[in-house]
Amino acid sequence: MSEPEPSARNSMSGDRTLAVHRDVLRSVAGRLRAGLAGLDAALTRVQAAGPGISSLSGWAAGDAFGGNVTSVYQAGLAAARQLAEAHQAAAANLADSAATYDAAESDSTRAVRGVAES
């Protein structure tokens, strides 16, 4: 019979170690923030352009079409804003998590040193 894989041995022996790679958390947060810059620039261009349908006003079908275009335009802007807020919140949460793990490691190290010195 072959020897189980190391990860299988760990779970079989009860070792449930969880490694948190804080550098990965920070990297993902940074990429989310970088993506926000592009989204923000695109959103600014869309807002500046507006729905662009005023030339159709005064005509019944044009007014109806313009109303629909305006509704879609406003819904698109709202969705983009929500996406930006979600990205920003996710980036902040990842950075906060990394900082929390840093603090916990530092506190644990101080506690171990304190016990060792006493």
PDB file of N, CA and C in Angstrom:
ATOM      1  N   MET A   1       0.841  -1.176   0.000  1.00  0.00           N
ATOM      2  CA  MET A   1       0.000   0.000   0.000  1.00  0.00           C
ATOM      3  C   MET A   1       0.889   1.243   0.000  1.00  0.00           C
ATOM      4  N   SER A   2       0.517   2.237  -0.813  1.00  0.00           N
ATOM      5  CA  SER A   2       1.344   3.437  -0.916  1.00  0.00           C
ATOM      6  C   SER A   2       1.058   4.388   0.244  1.00  0.00           C
ATOM      7  N   GLU A   3       2.030   5.256   0.493  1.00  0.00           N
ATOM      8  CA  GLU A   3       1.942   6.259   1.556  1.00  0.00           C
ATOM      9  C   GLU A   3       0.969   7.361   1.112  1.00  0.00           C
ATOM     10  N   PRO A   4       0.061   7.835   1.985  1.00  0.00           N
ATOM     11  CA  PRO A   4      -0.864   8.899   1.582  1.00  0.00           C
ATOM     12  C   PRO A   4      -0.118  10.198   1.312  1.00  0.00           C
ATOM     13  N   GLU A   5      -0.737  11.043   0.508  1.00  0.00           N
ATOM     14  CA  GLU A   5      -0.180  12.365   0.222  1.00  0.00           C
ATOM     15  C   GLU A   5      -0.012  13.130   1.538  1.00  0.00           C
ATOM     16  N   PRO A   6       0.940  14.089   1.604  1.00  0.00           N
ATOM     17  CA  PRO A   6       1.134  14.843   2.854  1.00  0.00           C
ATOM     18  C   PRO A   6      -0.136  15.516   3.358  1.00  0.00           C
ATOM     19  N   SER A   7      -0.935  16.082   2.442  1.00  0.00           N
ATOM     20  CA  SER A   7      -2.157  16.745   2.907  1.00  0.00           C
ATOM     21  C   SER A   7      -3.136  15.739   3.490  1.00  0.00           C
ATOM     22  N   ALA A   8      -3.162  14.549   2.920  1.00  0.00           N
ATOM     23  CA  ALA A   8      -4.043  13.504   3.456  1.00  0.00           C
ATOM     24  C   ALA A   8      -3.543  13.050   4.821  1.00  0.00           C
ATOM     25  N   ARG A   9      -2.227  12.933   4.980  1.00  0.00           N
ATOM     26  CA  ARG A   9      -1.679  12.545   6.286  1.00  0.00           C
ATOM     27  C   ARG A   9      -2.045  13.580   7.338  1.00  0.00           C
ATOM     28  N   ASN A  10      -1.936  14.862   6.984  1.00  0.00           N
ATOM     29  CA  ASN A  10      -2.260  15.911   7.946  1.00  0.00           C
ATOM     30  C   ASN A  10      -3.706  15.828   8.389  1.00  0.00           C
ATOM     31  N   SER A  11      -4.623  15.639   7.454  1.00  0.00           N
ATOM     32  CA  SER A  11      -6.022  15.598   7.855  1.00  0.00           C
ATOM     33  C   SER A  11      -6.337  14.320   8.602  1.00  0.00           C
ATOM     34  N   MET A  12      -5.633  13.250   8.273  1.00  0.00           N
ATOM     35  CA  MET A  12      -5.886  11.995   8.977  1.00  0.00           C
ATOM     36  C   MET A  12      -5.362  12.067  10.404  1.00  0.00           C
ATOM     37  N   SER A  13      -4.310  12.828  10.632  1.00  0.00           N
ATOM     38  CA  SER A  13      -3.732  12.913  11.971  1.00  0.00           C
ATOM     39  C   SER A  13      -4.382  14.007  12.812  1.00  0.00           C
ATOM     40  N   GLY A  14      -5.342  14.730  12.239  1.00  0.00           N
ATOM     41  CA  GLY A  14      -6.028  15.764  13.001  1.00  0.00           C
ATOM     42  C   GLY A  14      -5.409  17.139  12.860  1.00  0.00           C
ATOM     43  N   ASP A  15      -4.337  17.299  12.088  1.00  0.00           N
ATOM     44  CA  ASP A  15      -3.702  18.601  11.888  1.00  0.00           C
ATOM     45  C   ASP A  15      -4.560  19.418  10.936  1.00  0.00           C
ATOM     46  N   ARG A  16      -5.154  20.450  11.426  1.00  0.00           N
ATOM     47  CA  ARG A  16      -6.032  21.291  10.607  1.00  0.00           C
ATOM     48  C   ARG A  16      -5.454  22.697  10.503  1.00  0.00           C
ATOM     49  N   THR A  17      -4.183  22.804  10.200  1.00  0.00           N
ATOM     50  CA  THR A  17      -3.496  24.081  10.116  1.00  0.00           C
ATOM     51  C   THR A  17      -4.030  24.884   8.940  1.00  0.00           C
ATOM     52  N   LEU A  18      -4.272  26.151   9.189  1.00  0.00           N
ATOM     53  CA  LEU A  18      -4.734  27.068   8.160  1.00  0.00           C
ATOM     54  C   LEU A  18      -3.675  28.142   7.991  1.00  0.00           C
ATOM     55  N   ALA A  19      -3.163  28.258   6.797  1.00  0.00           N
ATOM     56  CA  ALA A  19      -2.178  29.289   6.518  1.00  0.00           C
ATOM     57  C   ALA A  19      -2.860  30.432   5.779  1.00  0.00           C
ATOM     58  N   VAL A  20      -2.700  31.637   6.291  1.00  0.00           N
ATOM     59  CA  VAL A  20      -3.249  32.819   5.646  1.00  0.00           C
ATOM     60  C   VAL A  20      -2.088  33.570   5.024  1.00  0.00           C
ATOM     61  N   HIS A  21      -2.149  33.721   3.724  1.00  0.00           N
ATOM     62  CA  HIS A  21      -1.090  34.427   3.002  1.00  0.00           C
ATOM     63  C   HIS A  21      -1.493  35.895   2.882  1.00  0.00           C
ATOM     64  N   ARG A  22      -1.010  36.679   3.830  1.00  0.00           N
ATOM     65  CA  ARG A  22      -1.382  38.087   3.882  1.00  0.00           C
ATOM     66  C   ARG A  22      -0.908  38.845   2.659  1.00  0.00           C
ATOM     67  N   ASP A  23       0.219  38.433   2.095  1.00  0.00           N
ATOM     68  CA  ASP A  23       0.696  39.101   0.884  1.00  0.00           C
ATOM     69  C   ASP A  23      -0.285  38.900  -0.271  1.00  0.00           C
ATOM     70  N   VAL A  24      -0.933  37.744  -0.313  1.00  0.00           N
ATOM     71  CA  VAL A  24      -1.934  37.494  -1.358  1.00  0.00           C
ATOM     72  C   VAL A  24      -3.162  38.366  -1.109  1.00  0.00           C
ATOM     73  N   LEU A  25      -3.589  38.475   0.141  1.00  0.00           N
ATOM     74  CA  LEU A  25      -4.727  39.343   0.460  1.00  0.00           C
ATOM     75  C   LEU A  25      -4.443  40.776   0.018  1.00  0.00           C
ATOM     76  N   ARG A  26      -3.250  41.259   0.325  1.00  0.00           N
ATOM     77  CA  ARG A  26      -2.882  42.628  -0.049  1.00  0.00           C
ATOM     78  C   ARG A  26      -2.767  42.788  -1.566  1.00  0.00           C
ATOM     79  N   SER A  27      -2.256  41.761  -2.222  1.00  0.00           N
ATOM     80  CA  SER A  27      -2.122  41.811  -3.675  1.00  0.00           C
ATOM     81  C   SER A  27      -3.490  41.880  -4.354  1.00  0.00           C
ATOM     82  N   VAL A  28      -4.406  41.063  -3.902  1.00  0.00           N
ATOM     83  CA  VAL A  28      -5.757  41.073  -4.483  1.00  0.00           C
ATOM     84  C   VAL A  28      -6.432  42.412  -4.200  1.00  0.00           C
ATOM     85  N   ALA A  29      -6.267  42.930  -2.989  1.00  0.00           N
ATOM     86  CA  ALA A  29      -6.841  44.237  -2.658  1.00  0.00           C
ATOM     87  C   ALA A  29      -6.270  45.314  -3.579  1.00  0.00           C
ATOM     88  N   GLY A  30      -4.977  45.258  -3.829  1.00  0.00           N
ATOM     89  CA  GLY A  30      -4.348  46.230  -4.727  1.00  0.00           C
ATOM     90  C   GLY A  30      -4.874  46.126  -6.147  1.00  0.00           C
ATOM     91  N   ARG A  31      -5.070  44.894  -6.623  1.00  0.00           N
ATOM     92  CA  ARG A  31      -5.609  44.720  -7.977  1.00  0.00           C
ATOM     93  C   ARG A  31      -7.050  45.215  -8.069  1.00  0.00           C
ATOM     94  N   LEU A  32      -7.826  44.987  -7.010  1.00  0.00           N
ATOM     95  CA  LEU A  32      -9.195  45.508  -7.005  1.00  0.00           C
ATOM     96  C   LEU A  32      -9.186  47.038  -7.064  1.00  0.00           C
ATOM     97  N   ARG A  33      -8.302  47.642  -6.288  1.00  0.00           N
ATOM     98  CA  ARG A  33      -8.212  49.109  -6.299  1.00  0.00           C
ATOM     99  C   ARG A  33      -7.746  49.625  -7.657  1.00  0.00           C
ATOM    100  N   ALA A  34      -6.807  48.926  -8.276  1.00  0.00           N
ATOM    101  CA  ALA A  34      -6.334  49.337  -9.601  1.00  0.00           C
ATOM    102  C   ALA A  34      -7.463  49.244 -10.623  1.00  0.00           C
ATOM    103  N   GLY A  35      -8.273  48.198 -10.521  1.00  0.00           N
ATOM    104  CA  GLY A  35      -9.413  48.061 -11.414  1.00  0.00           C
ATOM    105  C   GLY A  35     -10.441  49.157 -11.215  1.00  0.00           C
ATOM    106  N   LEU A  36     -10.526  49.654 -10.004  1.00  0.00           N
ATOM    107  CA  LEU A  36     -11.463  50.730  -9.712  1.00  0.00           C
ATOM    108  C   LEU A  36     -11.124  52.000 -10.479  1.00  0.00           C
ATOM    109  N   ALA A  37      -9.845  52.251 -10.679  1.00  0.00           N
ATOM    110  CA  ALA A  37      -9.437  53.452 -11.407  1.00  0.00           C
ATOM    111  C   ALA A  37      -9.996  53.421 -12.830  1.00  0.00           C
ATOM    112  N   GLY A  38      -9.903  52.277 -13.486  1.00  0.00           N
ATOM    113  CA  GLY A  38     -10.450  52.145 -14.834  1.00  0.00           C
ATOM    114  C   GLY A  38     -11.958  52.268 -14.860  1.00  0.00           C
ATOM    115  N   LEU A  39     -12.613  51.635 -13.880  1.00  0.00           N
ATOM    116  CA  LEU A  39     -14.066  51.716 -13.797  1.00  0.00           C
ATOM    117  C   LEU A  39     -14.505  53.151 -13.552  1.00  0.00           C
ATOM    118  N   ASP A  40     -13.803  53.847 -12.672  1.00  0.00           N
ATOM    119  CA  ASP A  40     -14.136  55.230 -12.363  1.00  0.00           C
ATOM    120  C   ASP A  40     -13.978  56.109 -13.603  1.00  0.00           C
ATOM    121  N   ALA A  41     -12.912  55.898 -14.358  1.00  0.00           N
ATOM    122  CA  ALA A  41     -12.692  56.682 -15.577  1.00  0.00           C
ATOM    123  C   ALA A  41     -13.800  56.421 -16.596  1.00  0.00           C
ATOM    124  N   ALA A  42     -14.183  55.166 -16.759  1.00  0.00           N
ATOM    125  CA  ALA A  42     -15.257  54.827 -17.696  1.00  0.00           C
ATOM    126  C   ALA A  42     -16.578  55.429 -17.246  1.00  0.00           C
ATOM    127  N   LEU A  43     -16.850  55.349 -15.956  1.00  0.00           N
ATOM    128  CA  LEU A  43     -18.090  55.902 -15.415  1.00  0.00           C
ATOM    129  C   LEU A  43     -18.136  57.414 -15.621  1.00  0.00           C
ATOM    130  N   THR A  44     -17.021  58.082 -15.438  1.00  0.00           N
ATOM    131  CA  THR A  44     -16.953  59.531 -15.653  1.00  0.00           C
ATOM    132  C   THR A  44     -17.251  59.876 -17.111  1.00  0.00           C
ATOM    133  N   ARG A  45     -16.701  59.084 -18.045  1.00  0.00           N
ATOM    134  CA  ARG A  45     -16.960  59.330 -19.474  1.00  0.00           C
ATOM    135  C   ARG A  45     -18.436  59.116 -19.811  1.00  0.00           C
ATOM    136  N   VAL A  46     -19.031  58.070 -19.246  1.00  0.00           N
ATOM    137  CA  VAL A  46     -20.448  57.791 -19.514  1.00  0.00           C
ATOM    138  C   VAL A  46     -21.319  58.909 -18.942  1.00  0.00           C
ATOM    139  N   GLN A  47     -21.009  59.366 -17.737  1.00  0.00           N
ATOM    140  CA  GLN A  47     -21.795  60.442 -17.133  1.00  0.00           C
ATOM    141  C   GLN A  47     -21.671  61.719 -17.953  1.00  0.00           C
ATOM    142  N   ALA A  48     -20.473  62.003 -18.439  1.00  0.00           N
ATOM    143  CA  ALA A  48     -20.263  63.211 -19.233  1.00  0.00           C
ATOM    144  C   ALA A  48     -21.022  63.139 -20.554  1.00  0.00           C
ATOM    145  N   ALA A  49     -21.125  61.962 -21.129  1.00  0.00           N
ATOM    146  CA  ALA A  49     -21.813  61.799 -22.408  1.00  0.00           C
ATOM    147  C   ALA A  49     -23.320  61.938 -22.254  1.00  0.00           C
ATOM    148  N   GLY A  50     -23.856  61.501 -21.126  1.00  0.00           N
ATOM    149  CA  GLY A  50     -25.294  61.543 -20.931  1.00  0.00           C
ATOM    150  C   GLY A  50     -25.984  60.571 -21.865  1.00  0.00           C
ATOM    151  N   PRO A  51     -27.289  60.480 -21.772  1.00  0.00           N
ATOM    152  CA  PRO A  51     -27.980  59.534 -22.645  1.00  0.00           C
ATOM    153  C   PRO A  51     -27.943  59.944 -24.114  1.00  0.00           C
ATOM    154  N   GLY A  52     -27.730  61.243 -24.416  1.00  0.00           N
ATOM    155  CA  GLY A  52     -27.537  61.683 -25.792  1.00  0.00           C
ATOM    156  C   GLY A  52     -28.722  61.518 -26.712  1.00  0.00           C
ATOM    157  N   ILE A  53     -29.929  61.695 -26.235  1.00  0.00           N
ATOM    158  CA  ILE A  53     -31.092  61.468 -27.089  1.00  0.00           C
ATOM    159  C   ILE A  53     -31.974  62.714 -27.194  1.00  0.00           C
ATOM    160  N   SER A  54     -31.493  63.869 -26.784  1.00  0.00           N
ATOM    161  CA  SER A  54     -32.329  65.072 -26.778  1.00  0.00           C
ATOM    162  C   SER A  54     -32.787  65.466 -28.179  1.00  0.00           C
ATOM    163  N   SER A  55     -32.073  65.035 -29.202  1.00  0.00           N
ATOM    164  CA  SER A  55     -32.465  65.394 -30.564  1.00  0.00           C
ATOM    165  C   SER A  55     -33.778  64.737 -30.974  1.00  0.00           C
ATOM    166  N   LEU A  56     -34.237  63.740 -30.238  1.00  0.00           N
ATOM    167  CA  LEU A  56     -35.476  63.054 -30.582  1.00  0.00           C
ATOM    168  C   LEU A  56     -36.694  63.656 -29.884  1.00  0.00           C
ATOM    169  N   SER A  57     -36.509  64.643 -29.030  1.00  0.00           N
ATOM    170  CA  SER A  57     -37.635  65.181 -28.263  1.00  0.00           C
ATOM    171  C   SER A  57     -38.602  65.931 -29.178  1.00  0.00           C
ATOM    172  N   GLY A  58     -39.866  65.950 -28.774  1.00  0.00           N
ATOM    173  CA  GLY A  58     -40.899  66.620 -29.551  1.00  0.00           C
ATOM    174  C   GLY A  58     -41.616  65.702 -30.522  1.00  0.00           C
ATOM    175  N   TRP A  59     -41.176  64.515 -30.649  1.00  0.00           N
ATOM    176  CA  TRP A  59     -41.795  63.522 -31.531  1.00  0.00           C
ATOM    177  C   TRP A  59     -42.272  62.407 -30.603  1.00  0.00           C
ATOM    178  N   ALA A  60     -43.485  61.987 -30.695  1.00  0.00           N
ATOM    179  CA  ALA A  60     -44.065  61.035 -29.731  1.00  0.00           C
ATOM    180  C   ALA A  60     -43.244  59.759 -29.616  1.00  0.00           C
ATOM    181  N   ALA A  61     -42.895  59.155 -30.731  1.00  0.00           N
ATOM    182  CA  ALA A  61     -42.090  57.922 -30.688  1.00  0.00           C
ATOM    183  C   ALA A  61     -40.690  58.220 -30.163  1.00  0.00           C
ATOM    184  N   GLY A  62     -40.159  59.382 -30.544  1.00  0.00           N
ATOM    185  CA  GLY A  62     -38.832  59.779 -30.061  1.00  0.00           C
ATOM    186  C   GLY A  62     -38.822  60.022 -28.568  1.00  0.00           C
ATOM    187  N   ASP A  63     -39.891  60.658 -28.066  1.00  0.00           N
ATOM    188  CA  ASP A  63     -40.001  60.894 -26.618  1.00  0.00           C
ATOM    189  C   ASP A  63     -40.050  59.565 -25.857  1.00  0.00           C
ATOM    190  N   ALA A  64     -40.841  58.616 -26.367  1.00  0.00           N
ATOM    191  CA  ALA A  64     -40.946  57.301 -25.712  1.00  0.00           C
ATOM    192  C   ALA A  64     -39.603  56.580 -25.761  1.00  0.00           C
ATOM    193  N   PHE A  65     -38.975  56.605 -26.919  1.00  0.00           N
ATOM    194  CA  PHE A  65     -37.663  55.958 -27.053  1.00  0.00           C
ATOM    195  C   PHE A  65     -36.638  56.636 -26.141  1.00  0.00           C
ATOM    196  N   GLY A  66     -36.674  57.959 -26.116  1.00  0.00           N
ATOM    197  CA  GLY A  66     -35.759  58.706 -25.256  1.00  0.00           C
ATOM    198  C   GLY A  66     -35.948  58.380 -23.784  1.00  0.00           C
ATOM    199  N   GLY A  67     -37.207  58.210 -23.378  1.00  0.00           N
ATOM    200  CA  GLY A  67     -37.482  57.827 -21.992  1.00  0.00           C
ATOM    201  C   GLY A  67     -36.894  56.467 -21.661  1.00  0.00           C
ATOM    202  N   ASN A  68     -37.032  55.542 -22.607  1.00  0.00           N
ATOM    203  CA  ASN A  68     -36.456  54.207 -22.388  1.00  0.00           C
ATOM    204  C   ASN A  68     -34.931  54.259 -22.346  1.00  0.00           C
ATOM    205  N   VAL A  69     -34.338  55.008 -23.244  1.00  0.00           N
ATOM    206  CA  VAL A  69     -32.878  55.125 -23.267  1.00  0.00           C
ATOM    207  C   VAL A  69     -32.380  55.754 -21.963  1.00  0.00           C
ATOM    208  N   THR A  70     -33.084  56.778 -21.513  1.00  0.00           N
ATOM    209  CA  THR A  70     -32.702  57.444 -20.261  1.00  0.00           C
ATOM    210  C   THR A  70     -32.797  56.474 -19.084  1.00  0.00           C
ATOM    211  N   SER A  71     -33.846  55.662 -19.050  1.00  0.00           N
ATOM    212  CA  SER A  71     -34.005  54.679 -17.967  1.00  0.00           C
ATOM    213  C   SER A  71     -32.859  53.665 -17.976  1.00  0.00           C
ATOM    214  N   VAL A  72     -32.531  53.172 -19.150  1.00  0.00           N
ATOM    215  CA  VAL A  72     -31.433  52.206 -19.267  1.00  0.00           C
ATOM    216  C   VAL A  72     -30.115  52.863 -18.875  1.00  0.00           C
ATOM    217  N   TYR A  73     -29.905  54.087 -19.324  1.00  0.00           N
ATOM    218  CA  TYR A  73     -28.689  54.840 -18.998  1.00  0.00           C
ATOM    219  C   TYR A  73     -28.555  54.995 -17.478  1.00  0.00           C
ATOM    220  N   GLN A  74     -29.634  55.417 -16.821  1.00  0.00           N
ATOM    221  CA  GLN A  74     -29.588  55.616 -15.367  1.00  0.00           C
ATOM    222  C   GLN A  74     -29.387  54.291 -14.629  1.00  0.00           C
ATOM    223  N   ALA A  75     -30.012  53.220 -15.102  1.00  0.00           N
ATOM    224  CA  ALA A  75     -29.821  51.909 -14.474  1.00  0.00           C
ATOM    225  C   ALA A  75     -28.380  51.438 -14.639  1.00  0.00           C
ATOM    226  N   GLY A  76     -27.809  51.685 -15.807  1.00  0.00           N
ATOM    227  CA  GLY A  76     -26.407  51.319 -16.038  1.00  0.00           C
ATOM    228  C   GLY A  76     -25.463  52.079 -15.113  1.00  0.00           C
ATOM    229  N   LEU A  77     -25.714  53.360 -14.947  1.00  0.00           N
ATOM    230  CA  LEU A  77     -24.892  54.151 -14.023  1.00  0.00           C
ATOM    231  C   LEU A  77     -25.025  53.649 -12.591  1.00  0.00           C
ATOM    232  N   ALA A  78     -26.251  53.342 -12.187  1.00  0.00           N
ATOM    233  CA  ALA A  78     -26.473  52.834 -10.823  1.00  0.00           C
ATOM    234  C   ALA A  78     -25.752  51.505 -10.625  1.00  0.00           C
ATOM    235  N   ALA A  79     -25.817  50.623 -11.613  1.00  0.00           N
ATOM    236  CA  ALA A  79     -25.129  49.329 -11.508  1.00  0.00           C
ATOM    237  C   ALA A  79     -23.619  49.527 -11.438  1.00  0.00           C
ATOM    238  N   ALA A  80     -23.090  50.451 -12.219  1.00  0.00           N
ATOM    239  CA  ALA A  80     -21.649  50.712 -12.195  1.00  0.00           C
ATOM    240  C   ALA A  80     -21.224  51.269 -10.834  1.00  0.00           C
ATOM    241  N   ARG A  81     -22.039  52.143 -10.273  1.00  0.00           N
ATOM    242  CA  ARG A  81     -21.728  52.687  -8.940  1.00  0.00           C
ATOM    243  C   ARG A  81     -21.736  51.581  -7.883  1.00  0.00           C
ATOM    244  N   GLN A  82     -22.734  50.694  -7.964  1.00  0.00           N
ATOM    245  CA  GLN A  82     -22.803  49.582  -7.006  1.00  0.00           C
ATOM    246  C   GLN A  82     -21.601  48.666  -7.159  1.00  0.00           C
ATOM    247  N   LEU A  83     -21.195  48.409  -8.388  1.00  0.00           N
ATOM    248  CA  LEU A  83     -20.016  47.586  -8.629  1.00  0.00           C
ATOM    249  C   LEU A  83     -18.774  48.235  -8.039  1.00  0.00           C
ATOM    250  N   ALA A  84     -18.622  49.532  -8.235  1.00  0.00           N
ATOM    251  CA  ALA A  84     -17.467  50.247  -7.687  1.00  0.00           C
ATOM    252  C   ALA A  84     -17.467  50.181  -6.159  1.00  0.00           C
ATOM    253  N   GLU A  85     -18.627  50.366  -5.557  1.00  0.00           N
ATOM    254  CA  GLU A  85     -18.720  50.300  -4.095  1.00  0.00           C
ATOM    255  C   GLU A  85     -18.386  48.904  -3.586  1.00  0.00           C
ATOM    256  N   ALA A  86     -18.853  47.875  -4.289  1.00  0.00           N
ATOM    257  CA  ALA A  86     -18.556  46.495  -3.882  1.00  0.00           C
ATOM    258  C   ALA A  86     -17.066  46.202  -4.011  1.00  0.00           C
ATOM    259  N   HIS A  87     -16.446  46.657  -5.099  1.00  0.00           N
ATOM    260  CA  HIS A  87     -14.998  46.463  -5.269  1.00  0.00           C
ATOM    261  C   HIS A  87     -14.231  47.178  -4.165  1.00  0.00           C
ATOM    262  N   GLN A  88     -14.641  48.400  -3.879  1.00  0.00           N
ATOM    263  CA  GLN A  88     -13.966  49.181  -2.841  1.00  0.00           C
ATOM    264  C   GLN A  88     -14.098  48.503  -1.477  1.00  0.00           C
ATOM    265  N   ALA A  89     -15.288  48.017  -1.174  1.00  0.00           N
ATOM    266  CA  ALA A  89     -15.510  47.331   0.104  1.00  0.00           C
ATOM    267  C   ALA A  89     -14.699  46.041   0.177  1.00  0.00           C
ATOM    268  N   ALA A  90     -14.659  45.284  -0.913  1.00  0.00           N
ATOM    269  CA  ALA A  90     -13.888  44.038  -0.917  1.00  0.00           C
ATOM    270  C   ALA A  90     -12.403  44.321  -0.721  1.00  0.00           C
ATOM    271  N   ALA A  91     -11.882  45.325  -1.399  1.00  0.00           N
ATOM    272  CA  ALA A  91     -10.466  45.684  -1.245  1.00  0.00           C
ATOM    273  C   ALA A  91     -10.172  46.100   0.195  1.00  0.00           C
ATOM    274  N   ALA A  92     -11.049  46.899   0.771  1.00  0.00           N
ATOM    275  CA  ALA A  92     -10.859  47.330   2.160  1.00  0.00           C
ATOM    276  C   ALA A  92     -10.922  46.144   3.114  1.00  0.00           C
ATOM    277  N   ASN A  93     -11.856  45.241   2.888  1.00  0.00           N
ATOM    278  CA  ASN A  93     -11.974  44.062   3.760  1.00  0.00           C
ATOM    279  C   ASN A  93     -10.745  43.164   3.670  1.00  0.00           C
ATOM    280  N   LEU A  94     -10.212  42.987   2.465  1.00  0.00           N
ATOM    281  CA  LEU A  94      -9.004  42.167   2.312  1.00  0.00           C
ATOM    282  C   LEU A  94      -7.818  42.808   3.023  1.00  0.00           C
ATOM    283  N   ALA A  95      -7.660  44.111   2.857  1.00  0.00           N
ATOM    284  CA  ALA A  95      -6.564  44.810   3.524  1.00  0.00           C
ATOM    285  C   ALA A  95      -6.731  44.761   5.042  1.00  0.00           C
ATOM    286  N   ASP A  96      -7.967  44.934   5.519  1.00  0.00           N
ATOM    287  CA  ASP A  96      -8.234  44.850   6.965  1.00  0.00           C
ATOM    288  C   ASP A  96      -7.939  43.447   7.495  1.00  0.00           C
ATOM    289  N   SER A  97      -8.303  42.431   6.725  1.00  0.00           N
ATOM    290  CA  SER A  97      -8.028  41.053   7.146  1.00  0.00           C
ATOM    291  C   SER A  97      -6.535  40.810   7.273  1.00  0.00           C
ATOM    292  N   ALA A  98      -5.775  41.287   6.295  1.00  0.00           N
ATOM    293  CA  ALA A  98      -4.324  41.120   6.351  1.00  0.00           C
ATOM    294  C   ALA A  98      -3.763  41.820   7.583  1.00  0.00           C
ATOM    295  N   ALA A  99      -4.236  43.017   7.857  1.00  0.00           N
ATOM    296  CA  ALA A  99      -3.762  43.756   9.035  1.00  0.00           C
ATOM    297  C   ALA A  99      -4.152  43.045  10.325  1.00  0.00           C
ATOM    298  N   THR A 100      -5.334  42.474  10.364  1.00  0.00           N
ATOM    299  CA  THR A 100      -5.780  41.738  11.548  1.00  0.00           C
ATOM    300  C   THR A 100      -4.901  40.518  11.791  1.00  0.00           C
ATOM    301  N   TYR A 101      -4.564  39.797  10.723  1.00  0.00           N
ATOM    302  CA  TYR A 101      -3.681  38.648  10.867  1.00  0.00           C
ATOM    303  C   TYR A 101      -2.279  39.081  11.295  1.00  0.00           C
ATOM    304  N   ASP A 102      -1.810  40.214  10.778  1.00  0.00           N
ATOM    305  CA  ASP A 102      -0.515  40.745  11.216  1.00  0.00           C
ATOM    306  C   ASP A 102      -0.535  41.024  12.717  1.00  0.00           C
ATOM    307  N   ALA A 103      -1.589  41.682  13.168  1.00  0.00           N
ATOM    308  CA  ALA A 103      -1.701  42.028  14.584  1.00  0.00           C
ATOM    309  C   ALA A 103      -1.789  40.772  15.450  1.00  0.00           C
ATOM    310  N   ALA A 104      -2.551  39.790  14.989  1.00  0.00           N
ATOM    311  CA  ALA A 104      -2.683  38.551  15.762  1.00  0.00           C
ATOM    312  C   ALA A 104      -1.342  37.830  15.864  1.00  0.00           C
ATOM    313  N   GLU A 105      -0.593  37.805  14.778  1.00  0.00           N
ATOM    314  CA  GLU A 105       0.719  37.162  14.817  1.00  0.00           C
ATOM    315  C   GLU A 105       1.656  37.899  15.766  1.00  0.00           C
ATOM    316  N   SER A 106       1.627  39.215  15.701  1.00  0.00           N
ATOM    317  CA  SER A 106       2.471  40.014  16.586  1.00  0.00           C
ATOM    318  C   SER A 106       2.083  39.797  18.054  1.00  0.00           C
ATOM    319  N   ASP A 107       0.782  39.780  18.347  1.00  0.00           N
ATOM    320  CA  ASP A 107       0.314  39.546  19.713  1.00  0.00           C
ATOM    321  C   ASP A 107       0.713  38.155  20.201  1.00  0.00           C
ATOM    322  N   SER A 108       0.599  37.166  19.328  1.00  0.00           N
ATOM    323  CA  SER A 108       0.969  35.799  19.702  1.00  0.00           C
ATOM    324  C   SER A 108       2.451  35.702  20.005  1.00  0.00           C
ATOM    325  N   THR A 109       3.258  36.351  19.171  1.00  0.00           N
ATOM    326  CA  THR A 109       4.704  36.341  19.385  1.00  0.00           C
ATOM    327  C   THR A 109       5.054  37.000  20.716  1.00  0.00           C
ATOM    328  N   ARG A 110       4.430  38.142  21.007  1.00  0.00           N
ATOM    329  CA  ARG A 110       4.680  38.823  22.290  1.00  0.00           C
ATOM    330  C   ARG A 110       4.261  37.939  23.469  1.00  0.00           C
ATOM    331  N   ALA A 111       3.118  37.267  23.339  1.00  0.00           N
ATOM    332  CA  ALA A 111       2.645  36.400  24.414  1.00  0.00           C
ATOM    333  C   ALA A 111       3.585  35.242  24.657  1.00  0.00           C
ATOM    334  N   VAL A 112       4.074  34.635  23.586  1.00  0.00           N
ATOM    335  CA  VAL A 112       5.009  33.514  23.728  1.00  0.00           C
ATOM    336  C   VAL A 112       6.303  33.984  24.379  1.00  0.00           C
ATOM    337  N   ARG A 113       6.794  35.142  23.941  1.00  0.00           N
ATOM    338  CA  ARG A 113       8.021  35.696  24.553  1.00  0.00           C
ATOM    339  C   ARG A 113       7.808  36.003  26.023  1.00  0.00           C
ATOM    340  N   GLY A 114       6.602  36.532  26.343  1.00  0.00           N
ATOM    341  CA  GLY A 114       6.291  36.842  27.732  1.00  0.00           C
ATOM    342  C   GLY A 114       6.277  35.595  28.610  1.00  0.00           C
ATOM    343  N   VAL A 115       5.725  34.531  28.102  1.00  0.00           N
ATOM    344  CA  VAL A 115       5.694  33.261  28.838  1.00  0.00           C
ATOM    345  C   VAL A 115       7.094  32.710  28.985  1.00  0.00           C
ATOM    346  N   ALA A 116       7.891  32.803  27.905  1.00  0.00           N
ATOM    347  CA  ALA A 116       9.249  32.266  27.928  1.00  0.00           C
ATOM    348  C   ALA A 116      10.129  33.029  28.917  1.00  0.00           C
ATOM    349  N   GLU A 117       9.876  34.323  29.059  1.00  0.00           N
ATOM    350  CA  GLU A 117      10.701  35.155  29.955  1.00  0.00           C
ATOM    351  C   GLU A 117      10.293  34.998  31.418  1.00  0.00           C
ATOM    352  N   SER A 118       9.090  34.520  31.672  1.00  0.00           N
ATOM    353  CA  SER A 118       8.658  34.440  33.072  1.00  0.00           C
ATOM    354  C   SER A 118       9.043  33.135  33.728  1.00  0.00           C
TER     355      SER A 118
END
